[in-house]
Each structure stands twice: as structure tokens, then as C-alpha cells.
Protein backbone atom coordinates (compact mmCIF):
# COMPACT_ATOMS: atom_id res chain seq x y z
CA GLN A 1 108.79 125.59 70.09
CA GLY A 2 112.13 126.46 71.11
CA THR A 3 111.23 129.49 73.40
CA TRP A 4 108.62 127.60 74.85
CA PHE A 5 110.97 124.79 75.94
CA GLU A 6 113.40 127.32 77.46
CA GLN A 7 110.63 128.98 79.30
CA PHE A 8 109.53 125.30 80.35
CA LEU A 9 113.00 124.45 81.33
CA LYS A 10 113.30 127.58 83.11
CA LEU A 11 110.01 127.29 85.28
CA LYS A 12 110.71 123.81 86.28
CA ALA A 13 114.30 124.55 87.32
CA GLN A 14 113.03 127.50 89.42
CA LEU A 15 110.48 125.40 91.09
CA GLU A 16 112.15 122.16 91.88
CA ALA A 17 114.52 124.76 93.67
CA GLU A 18 111.73 125.95 95.56
CA GLY A 19 110.82 122.15 96.74
CA LEU A 20 107.69 121.58 94.95
CA PHE A 21 108.53 118.80 93.43
CA ASN A 22 109.90 116.84 96.65
CA ALA A 23 108.62 113.49 96.88
CA ASP A 24 108.26 113.79 100.73
CA ARG A 25 105.83 116.73 100.17
CA LYS A 26 103.37 114.58 98.21
CA ARG A 27 100.23 113.33 99.75
CA PRO A 28 99.49 109.69 99.35
CA ILE A 29 96.24 108.67 97.25
CA PRO A 30 93.19 107.70 99.28
CA GLU A 31 92.25 103.96 98.29
CA ARG A 32 88.74 104.62 99.27
CA PRO A 33 87.82 108.40 98.21
CA ARG A 34 84.08 109.46 99.38
CA ALA A 35 84.36 111.20 96.23
CA ILE A 36 86.49 111.96 92.83
CA GLY A 37 86.70 115.46 91.31
CA ILE A 38 87.66 115.67 87.84
CA VAL A 39 88.98 118.67 86.07
CA THR A 40 89.17 118.73 82.33
CA SER A 41 86.88 120.09 79.25
CA LEU A 42 83.81 118.89 78.61
CA GLY A 43 84.25 118.45 74.99
CA ALA A 44 87.49 116.31 75.69
CA ALA A 45 88.08 112.76 74.98
CA ALA A 46 89.91 112.67 78.16
CA LEU A 47 86.60 112.91 79.87
CA HIS A 48 84.96 110.17 78.04
CA ASP A 49 87.98 107.79 78.49
CA VAL A 50 88.19 108.73 82.40
CA ALA A 51 84.36 108.44 82.77
CA THR A 52 84.36 105.11 81.24
CA ALA A 53 87.16 103.60 83.59
CA LEU A 54 85.49 105.05 86.57
CA GLN A 55 82.38 103.54 85.99
CA ARG A 56 84.06 100.02 84.92
CA ARG A 57 86.12 100.14 88.04
CA VAL A 58 84.38 102.17 91.10
CA PRO A 59 80.55 102.71 89.95
CA HIS A 60 79.96 103.17 93.59
CA ILE A 61 81.99 106.40 94.05
CA PRO A 62 80.24 109.56 93.33
CA VAL A 63 82.26 111.72 90.81
CA VAL A 64 82.14 115.64 90.27
CA LEU A 65 82.91 117.37 87.22
CA SER A 66 84.76 120.33 87.17
CA PRO A 67 84.82 121.99 83.59
CA ALA A 68 87.54 124.11 82.12
CA LEU A 69 89.59 125.14 79.46
CA VAL A 70 92.47 122.73 78.58
CA GLN A 71 94.12 124.85 76.08
CA GLY A 72 94.53 128.56 74.81
CA ALA A 73 95.18 131.74 76.51
CA ASP A 74 92.37 131.41 78.90
CA ALA A 75 92.84 127.99 79.65
CA PRO A 76 95.53 128.37 82.81
CA ALA A 77 93.01 130.46 84.78
CA SER A 78 90.15 128.09 83.99
CA LEU A 79 91.97 125.25 85.25
CA LEU A 80 93.01 127.07 88.30
CA GLN A 81 89.47 128.11 89.32
CA ALA A 82 88.05 124.76 88.31
CA LEU A 83 90.80 123.11 90.47
CA GLN A 84 89.88 125.34 93.55
CA ALA A 85 86.30 124.87 92.96
CA LEU A 86 86.73 121.17 93.51
CA SER A 87 89.23 121.90 96.44
CA ALA A 88 86.23 123.51 98.37
CA LYS A 89 84.38 120.70 98.00
CA PRO A 90 84.81 118.92 101.58
CA GLU A 91 83.27 115.37 100.10
CA ILE A 92 86.19 115.43 97.30
CA ASP A 93 89.09 113.24 98.33
CA VAL A 94 91.19 113.11 95.17
CA ILE A 95 91.15 115.31 91.88
CA LEU A 96 92.09 114.14 88.41
CA LEU A 97 93.46 117.04 86.49
CA VAL A 98 93.40 115.34 83.04
CA ARG A 99 93.49 116.25 79.32
CA GLY A 100 94.26 114.21 76.12
CA GLY A 101 97.54 114.43 74.05
CA GLY A 102 98.80 117.17 72.02
CA SER A 103 101.95 119.36 70.92
CA LEU A 104 103.71 121.36 73.51
CA GLU A 105 101.75 124.50 72.23
CA ASP A 106 98.23 122.47 72.94
CA LEU A 107 99.27 121.29 76.61
CA TRP A 108 100.82 124.72 77.30
CA ALA A 109 98.44 125.47 80.00
CA PHE A 110 99.40 122.92 82.14
CA ASN A 111 103.16 124.79 82.15
CA ASP A 112 101.49 127.88 84.14
CA GLU A 113 103.21 128.66 87.36
CA GLN A 114 100.12 129.77 89.11
CA LEU A 115 98.32 126.53 88.20
CA ALA A 116 101.67 124.86 89.43
CA ARG A 117 101.41 126.30 93.08
CA ALA A 118 97.75 126.04 93.21
CA ILE A 119 98.18 122.19 92.68
CA VAL A 120 100.75 121.90 95.38
CA ALA A 121 98.19 124.17 97.80
CA CYS A 122 95.41 122.05 96.83
CA SER A 123 93.40 120.38 100.25
CA VAL A 124 93.40 117.42 98.59
CA PRO A 125 95.88 114.86 96.75
CA VAL A 126 95.76 115.66 93.04
CA ILE A 127 96.45 112.96 89.83
CA SER A 128 97.58 114.60 86.89
CA GLY A 129 97.12 112.63 83.63
CA VAL A 130 97.95 115.28 80.61
CA GLY A 131 98.79 114.05 77.39
CA HIS A 132 100.29 110.67 76.64
CA GLU A 133 102.71 108.57 78.05
CA THR A 134 105.66 110.35 76.85
CA ASP A 135 104.47 114.26 77.52
CA PHE A 136 105.63 115.92 80.47
CA THR A 137 104.30 119.36 81.73
CA ILE A 138 104.88 121.12 85.14
CA ALA A 139 101.55 120.06 86.40
CA ASP A 140 102.74 116.43 86.36
CA PHE A 141 105.75 117.51 88.42
CA CYS A 142 103.70 119.08 91.17
CA ALA A 143 101.07 116.51 91.25
CA ASP A 144 100.88 114.10 94.16
CA LEU A 145 100.91 111.66 91.27
CA ARG A 146 101.70 111.62 87.60
CA ALA A 147 99.60 109.14 85.47
CA PRO A 148 100.81 108.22 82.08
CA THR A 149 97.59 108.84 80.16
CA PRO A 150 93.89 110.06 81.35
CA THR A 151 92.60 106.54 81.79
CA ALA A 152 95.59 105.46 84.02
CA ALA A 153 94.60 108.60 86.33
CA ALA A 154 91.32 106.69 86.47
CA GLU A 155 92.48 103.79 87.35
CA LEU A 156 95.16 104.88 90.01
CA CYS A 157 92.43 106.97 92.42
CA ALA A 158 90.90 104.37 93.89
CA ILE A 159 90.70 100.73 94.59
CA SER A 160 88.43 98.88 91.96
CA GLN A 161 84.97 97.39 92.96
CA ALA A 162 86.06 93.95 92.40
CA ASP A 163 89.26 94.37 94.35
CA LEU A 164 87.06 95.47 97.44
CA ASP A 165 84.81 92.57 96.87
CA HIS A 166 87.71 90.24 96.91
CA GLN A 167 88.92 91.99 100.22
CA VAL A 168 85.34 91.45 101.58
CA THR A 169 85.36 87.62 100.70
CA GLY A 170 88.85 87.02 102.04
CA PHE A 171 87.42 88.95 105.43
CA GLN A 172 84.52 86.78 105.37
CA GLU A 173 86.56 83.71 104.99
CA LEU A 174 88.98 84.51 107.77
CA MET A 175 86.06 85.22 110.31
CA GLN A 176 84.27 81.91 109.62
CA ASN A 177 87.36 80.19 110.01
CA LEU A 178 88.12 82.07 113.62
CA LEU A 179 84.44 81.31 114.38
CA GLN A 180 84.57 77.70 113.73
CA ARG A 181 88.28 77.63 115.81
CA GLN A 182 86.33 79.06 118.27
CA ILE A 183 83.60 76.47 118.10
CA ASP A 184 86.05 73.62 118.10
CA LYS A 185 87.51 75.17 121.05
CA SER A 186 84.53 75.43 123.07
CA ALA A 187 83.42 71.97 122.04
CA GLN A 188 86.40 70.53 123.62
CA ARG A 189 85.79 72.44 126.97
CA LEU A 190 82.48 70.93 126.97
CA ASP A 191 83.86 67.62 126.43
CA LEU A 192 86.41 67.89 129.03
CA ALA A 193 84.11 69.10 131.41
CA GLN A 194 81.47 66.65 130.95
CA SER A 195 84.11 63.75 131.42
CA ARG A 196 84.93 65.22 134.82
CA ILE A 197 81.24 65.20 135.98
CA GLY A 198 80.72 61.52 135.41
CA ARG A 199 77.59 59.88 135.47
CA PRO A 200 74.86 62.08 137.84
CA SER A 201 73.52 58.54 139.07
């Protein structure tokens, strides 16, 4: 644990010095993505949590899953490949990189330098939702947005359908008010013109 933590701090300091964690480098998360990409394990509980949250909040947005290993020696390369596969799809506007909680060893794949650089180089914004609220990985620092949990990542990646419905209702009321105001103004002009004409006889 101590050796791993030392490696974590060393890589964190190196990438931070290079500017990979800079806030001004990070991209805004689109409010209405055309499609949402997910990188996680097919067997992960995080996948169920994220899918449930997305189905509840944004059932109208397509979701593309790019499966990857999230633990073990082969996980960093697998995560990197899955991330790049989604990045190559033109319809994907945001990617969720998610995994449930675990020990430092369990989450070690998300402290990989190549994965960190791939997150920064990704063509679309990346939201990390790795571990629990108190867990931090190198991927979290490099991501455009860090969510405390996988479910939170799903909640931050787009405006919910309920909020969009509320916006549409607001626009509808605004248009009705503007239209009624225009009708009232036209009616006043008509009354004024009629009074000026006088009686035809």
C-alpha cells in the first residue's frame, strides 16, 4: 500500500507540473449530448447504477457501451482501448468512465499514466465516476469533470428530460404571452384606425 501510494503521489506531481490537471484546460460538459458513451466492465455494479440513472433521467438519449476491464494488470490497456473506441464515434458527445468502490489496489488501473494522457487527449469531454466519494485517482484529476460516484456521473452528463420538459413549458408560456401582447397591440391600432374613419354615411 505504501509503495503504491508513493507511486500515485509521484505521478500526480509529474502530471500536475505538466498542466494536465489545469482547470482552464478542461472542457464544458454538453447539456444536450447526441449520445453518451460509457466505459466500464460488463459485470460491474456501476454499470447497472449508471444505466438505471440514465434511463430515469435521459431516456431519449442513446447510450453506447464500450466494455473494459476495470481491475488487474490488463485493465489499463483495456480502459485505454475502450476510451479510444468511443472517442472515434462522431455521435458521442460525452464519455462516462466509471467503476464502483474498492481498495487502492482495486482502483489502481485508473492511476495509469497512459490512460491519464488519453483522457486529456480525448476528442470529447470525459466524466470520471470512479469509486466512492472519498476515492481519488489520477483519472479523476485528468477528467473534465469528477463525479463522486458512478451514479452521480450519470446525473451530471446531461440535462434531465424533466428539466427539458420544464424549459419547453416555460418557452411555451413566453410565446403565448408575447403573442397575446402582439394581438392586444394590433387590436388597439385597429380601434384607433376605426375611430378615425368615422361613419361611412
